[in-house]
Amino acid sequence: MTSGTGPGRELCAADFAADAHGVKYHGEFSRHPEAYLRLLSLLNDPANEQRLIDAEMHGLPALCGVARFIEADPVIGALISSDETAVRARQTIGVAVKLKMVKLGWRRTGRKGAVKGARLFAKAEHFALDDTSCADASSRALAALDAVAAIGSDAEREETAQMLMEALASSRRAEGRRF
């Protein structure tokens, strides 16, 4: 369901500046740097990436997967609870989730849904898996396998294939997924 791990999926303040909608919220980083660095760290955590995806897979807005962690963070929680900063901070969090989901290979749907289990968030965007990014990821994976198949001797290729399959099985077990 995800497009793999790595730096290409990391969300950073520059992503806000590069996005037509996100640029309107980029200034929030300079006004509340600690809160937004904590938010980026939270959204870039692999377990929380999976929670975002799992929420959508269960028909809930992605934000449902991490809302309780956001609200529980003392710095972010104070920002989204304050009468002076709450609205803009919650909007910025919504934009951050949107940018993160796009990095994970999902696209906006234009639909909103209730954020269940949250105290400070009412509604949030729904996302759908972007089929074109899956096709691109699949093509890249097949090209990588073709490249590996051309390296070394038959014995080396066999050993590499075995190591890759063991690593894949191990990572799926660690995520609680079948192989």
Protein backbone atom coordinates (compact mmCIF):
# COMPACT_ATOMS: atom_id res chain seq x y z
CA MET A 1 0.00 0.00 0.00
CA THR A 2 2.90 2.35 0.58
CA SER A 3 5.54 3.37 -1.88
CA GLY A 4 8.49 2.23 0.25
CA THR A 5 10.63 3.87 2.85
CA GLY A 6 13.30 6.44 2.40
CA PRO A 7 14.11 10.10 2.10
CA GLY A 8 11.67 10.67 -0.77
CA ARG A 9 8.82 10.17 1.70
CA GLU A 10 10.13 12.51 4.40
CA LEU A 11 7.97 15.59 4.89
CA CYS A 12 9.82 18.86 5.58
CA ALA A 13 9.08 22.58 5.75
CA ALA A 14 10.35 22.99 2.19
CA ASP A 15 7.46 20.81 0.99
CA PHE A 16 5.08 23.51 2.20
CA ALA A 17 7.00 26.15 0.25
CA ALA A 18 6.91 24.02 -2.90
CA ASP A 19 3.15 23.34 -2.77
CA ALA A 20 0.71 25.96 -4.15
CA HIS A 21 -1.65 25.55 -1.20
CA GLY A 22 1.00 24.68 1.39
CA VAL A 23 2.96 27.88 0.78
CA LYS A 24 0.14 29.80 2.50
CA TYR A 25 0.95 27.87 5.71
CA HIS A 26 4.75 27.89 5.44
CA GLY A 27 5.02 30.93 7.73
CA GLU A 28 3.59 28.91 10.61
CA PHE A 29 6.97 27.14 10.85
CA SER A 30 8.77 30.36 11.70
CA ARG A 31 6.08 31.43 14.19
CA HIS A 32 5.96 28.07 16.02
CA PRO A 33 9.10 26.16 15.02
CA GLU A 34 9.15 23.63 17.86
CA ALA A 35 5.52 22.60 17.31
CA TYR A 36 5.97 22.12 13.58
CA LEU A 37 9.25 20.25 13.90
CA ARG A 38 7.47 17.91 16.31
CA LEU A 39 4.59 17.55 13.84
CA LEU A 40 6.98 16.69 11.00
CA SER A 41 8.74 14.15 13.20
CA LEU A 42 5.40 12.62 14.15
CA LEU A 43 4.20 12.38 10.53
CA ASN A 44 7.54 10.98 9.32
CA ASP A 45 7.53 8.18 11.89
CA PRO A 46 7.01 4.94 9.90
CA ALA A 47 4.43 3.66 12.41
CA ASN A 48 2.41 6.85 12.00
CA GLU A 49 2.73 6.69 8.21
CA GLN A 50 1.07 3.28 8.46
CA ARG A 51 -1.60 4.69 10.82
CA LEU A 52 -2.48 7.37 8.25
CA ILE A 53 -2.87 4.71 5.58
CA ASP A 54 -4.74 2.31 7.85
CA ALA A 55 -7.29 5.00 8.69
CA GLU A 56 -8.06 5.51 5.00
CA MET A 57 -8.17 1.76 4.40
CA HIS A 58 -10.89 1.61 7.09
CA GLY A 59 -12.92 4.42 5.52
CA LEU A 60 -11.78 7.13 7.91
CA PRO A 61 -9.88 10.33 7.08
CA ALA A 62 -6.13 9.78 7.34
CA LEU A 63 -5.92 12.29 10.20
CA CYS A 64 -7.90 9.83 12.37
CA GLY A 65 -4.83 7.62 12.45
CA VAL A 66 -2.66 10.20 14.20
CA ALA A 67 -5.04 12.77 15.74
CA ARG A 68 -4.68 11.40 19.27
CA PHE A 69 -0.87 11.60 19.04
CA ILE A 70 -1.05 15.17 17.75
CA GLU A 71 -3.47 16.20 20.48
CA ALA A 72 -1.41 14.45 23.16
CA ASP A 73 1.84 16.17 22.22
CA PRO A 74 2.31 18.93 24.83
CA VAL A 75 3.70 21.51 22.40
CA ILE A 76 1.37 20.82 19.46
CA GLY A 77 -1.58 20.30 21.81
CA ALA A 78 -1.05 23.70 23.39
CA LEU A 79 -0.90 25.32 19.96
CA ILE A 80 -4.12 23.72 18.69
CA SER A 81 -5.93 24.46 21.96
CA SER A 82 -5.04 28.16 22.17
CA ASP A 83 -7.76 30.67 21.31
CA GLU A 84 -5.19 32.71 19.38
CA THR A 85 -3.56 29.99 17.26
CA ALA A 86 -5.96 27.02 17.17
CA VAL A 87 -7.69 27.53 13.83
CA ARG A 88 -4.56 28.27 11.79
CA ALA A 89 -2.61 25.52 13.56
CA ARG A 90 -5.28 22.90 12.81
CA GLN A 91 -5.40 24.06 9.18
CA THR A 92 -1.62 23.73 8.95
CA ILE A 93 -1.83 20.22 10.37
CA GLY A 94 -4.43 19.35 7.72
CA VAL A 95 -2.12 20.63 5.00
CA ALA A 96 0.77 18.65 6.50
CA VAL A 97 -1.31 15.47 6.41
CA LYS A 98 -2.25 16.20 2.80
CA LEU A 99 1.39 16.69 1.79
CA LYS A 100 2.41 13.53 3.65
CA MET A 101 -0.31 11.42 2.04
CA VAL A 102 0.75 12.63 -1.41
CA LYS A 103 4.31 11.59 -0.58
CA LEU A 104 2.94 8.17 0.40
CA GLY A 105 1.31 7.78 -3.03
CA TRP A 106 -2.22 8.93 -2.24
CA ARG A 107 -4.31 11.72 -3.80
CA ARG A 108 -6.97 14.06 -2.49
CA THR A 109 -10.60 13.11 -3.10
CA GLY A 110 -12.29 16.41 -2.31
CA ARG A 111 -14.40 14.66 0.34
CA LYS A 112 -14.22 15.29 4.04
CA GLY A 113 -15.17 13.02 6.89
CA ALA A 114 -15.53 13.18 10.65
CA VAL A 115 -12.34 12.76 12.66
CA LYS A 116 -13.50 10.13 15.12
CA GLY A 117 -11.78 9.88 18.47
CA ALA A 118 -10.37 13.42 18.28
CA ARG A 119 -11.20 16.22 20.68
CA LEU A 120 -9.87 19.15 18.66
CA PHE A 121 -10.45 18.11 15.05
CA ALA A 122 -13.94 17.87 13.54
CA LYS A 123 -13.44 17.05 9.84
CA ALA A 124 -10.55 16.17 7.59
CA GLU A 125 -9.79 15.29 3.98
CA HIS A 126 -10.21 11.77 2.60
CA PHE A 127 -7.55 10.33 0.28
CA ALA A 128 -7.51 7.59 -2.34
CA LEU A 129 -4.58 5.48 -3.43
CA ASP A 130 -3.05 7.07 -6.51
CA ASP A 131 -3.04 4.26 -9.07
CA THR A 132 -0.48 6.02 -11.26
CA SER A 133 2.05 6.18 -8.43
CA CYS A 134 1.53 2.45 -7.77
CA ALA A 135 2.15 1.71 -11.44
CA ASP A 136 5.29 3.87 -11.35
CA ALA A 137 6.52 2.15 -8.18
CA SER A 138 5.83 -1.25 -9.71
CA SER A 139 7.75 -0.31 -12.85
CA ARG A 140 10.70 0.92 -10.80
CA ALA A 141 10.68 -2.27 -8.71
CA LEU A 142 10.68 -4.47 -11.82
CA ALA A 143 13.49 -2.41 -13.36
CA ALA A 144 15.51 -2.80 -10.15
CA LEU A 145 14.98 -6.57 -10.21
CA ASP A 146 16.10 -6.68 -13.85
CA ALA A 147 19.24 -4.74 -12.93
CA VAL A 148 19.99 -7.10 -10.02
CA ALA A 149 19.50 -10.08 -12.33
CA ALA A 150 22.32 -8.83 -14.53
CA ILE A 151 24.88 -8.48 -11.73
CA GLY A 152 27.44 -11.13 -10.80
CA SER A 153 27.46 -14.86 -11.24
CA ASP A 154 24.51 -17.23 -10.98
CA ALA A 155 25.53 -18.12 -7.41
CA GLU A 156 25.76 -14.44 -6.42
CA ARG A 157 22.35 -13.70 -7.93
CA GLU A 158 20.83 -16.67 -6.11
CA GLU A 159 22.36 -15.52 -2.80
CA THR A 160 21.14 -11.94 -3.38
CA ALA A 161 17.62 -13.12 -4.21
CA GLN A 162 17.51 -15.21 -1.03
CA MET A 163 18.71 -12.26 1.11
CA LEU A 164 16.16 -9.90 -0.46
CA MET A 165 13.30 -12.33 0.13
CA GLU A 166 14.36 -12.86 3.75
CA ALA A 167 14.55 -9.08 4.30
CA LEU A 168 11.11 -8.60 2.75
CA ALA A 169 9.59 -11.37 4.87
CA SER A 170 11.21 -9.93 8.01
CA SER A 171 9.93 -6.39 7.37
CA ARG A 172 6.41 -7.62 6.64
CA ARG A 173 6.42 -9.69 9.86
CA ALA A 174 7.60 -6.64 11.81
CA GLU A 175 4.66 -4.68 10.36
CA GLY A 176 2.27 -7.49 11.26
CA ARG A 177 1.54 -8.26 7.60
CA ARG A 178 1.46 -11.64 5.88
CA PHE A 179 4.12 -12.56 3.37
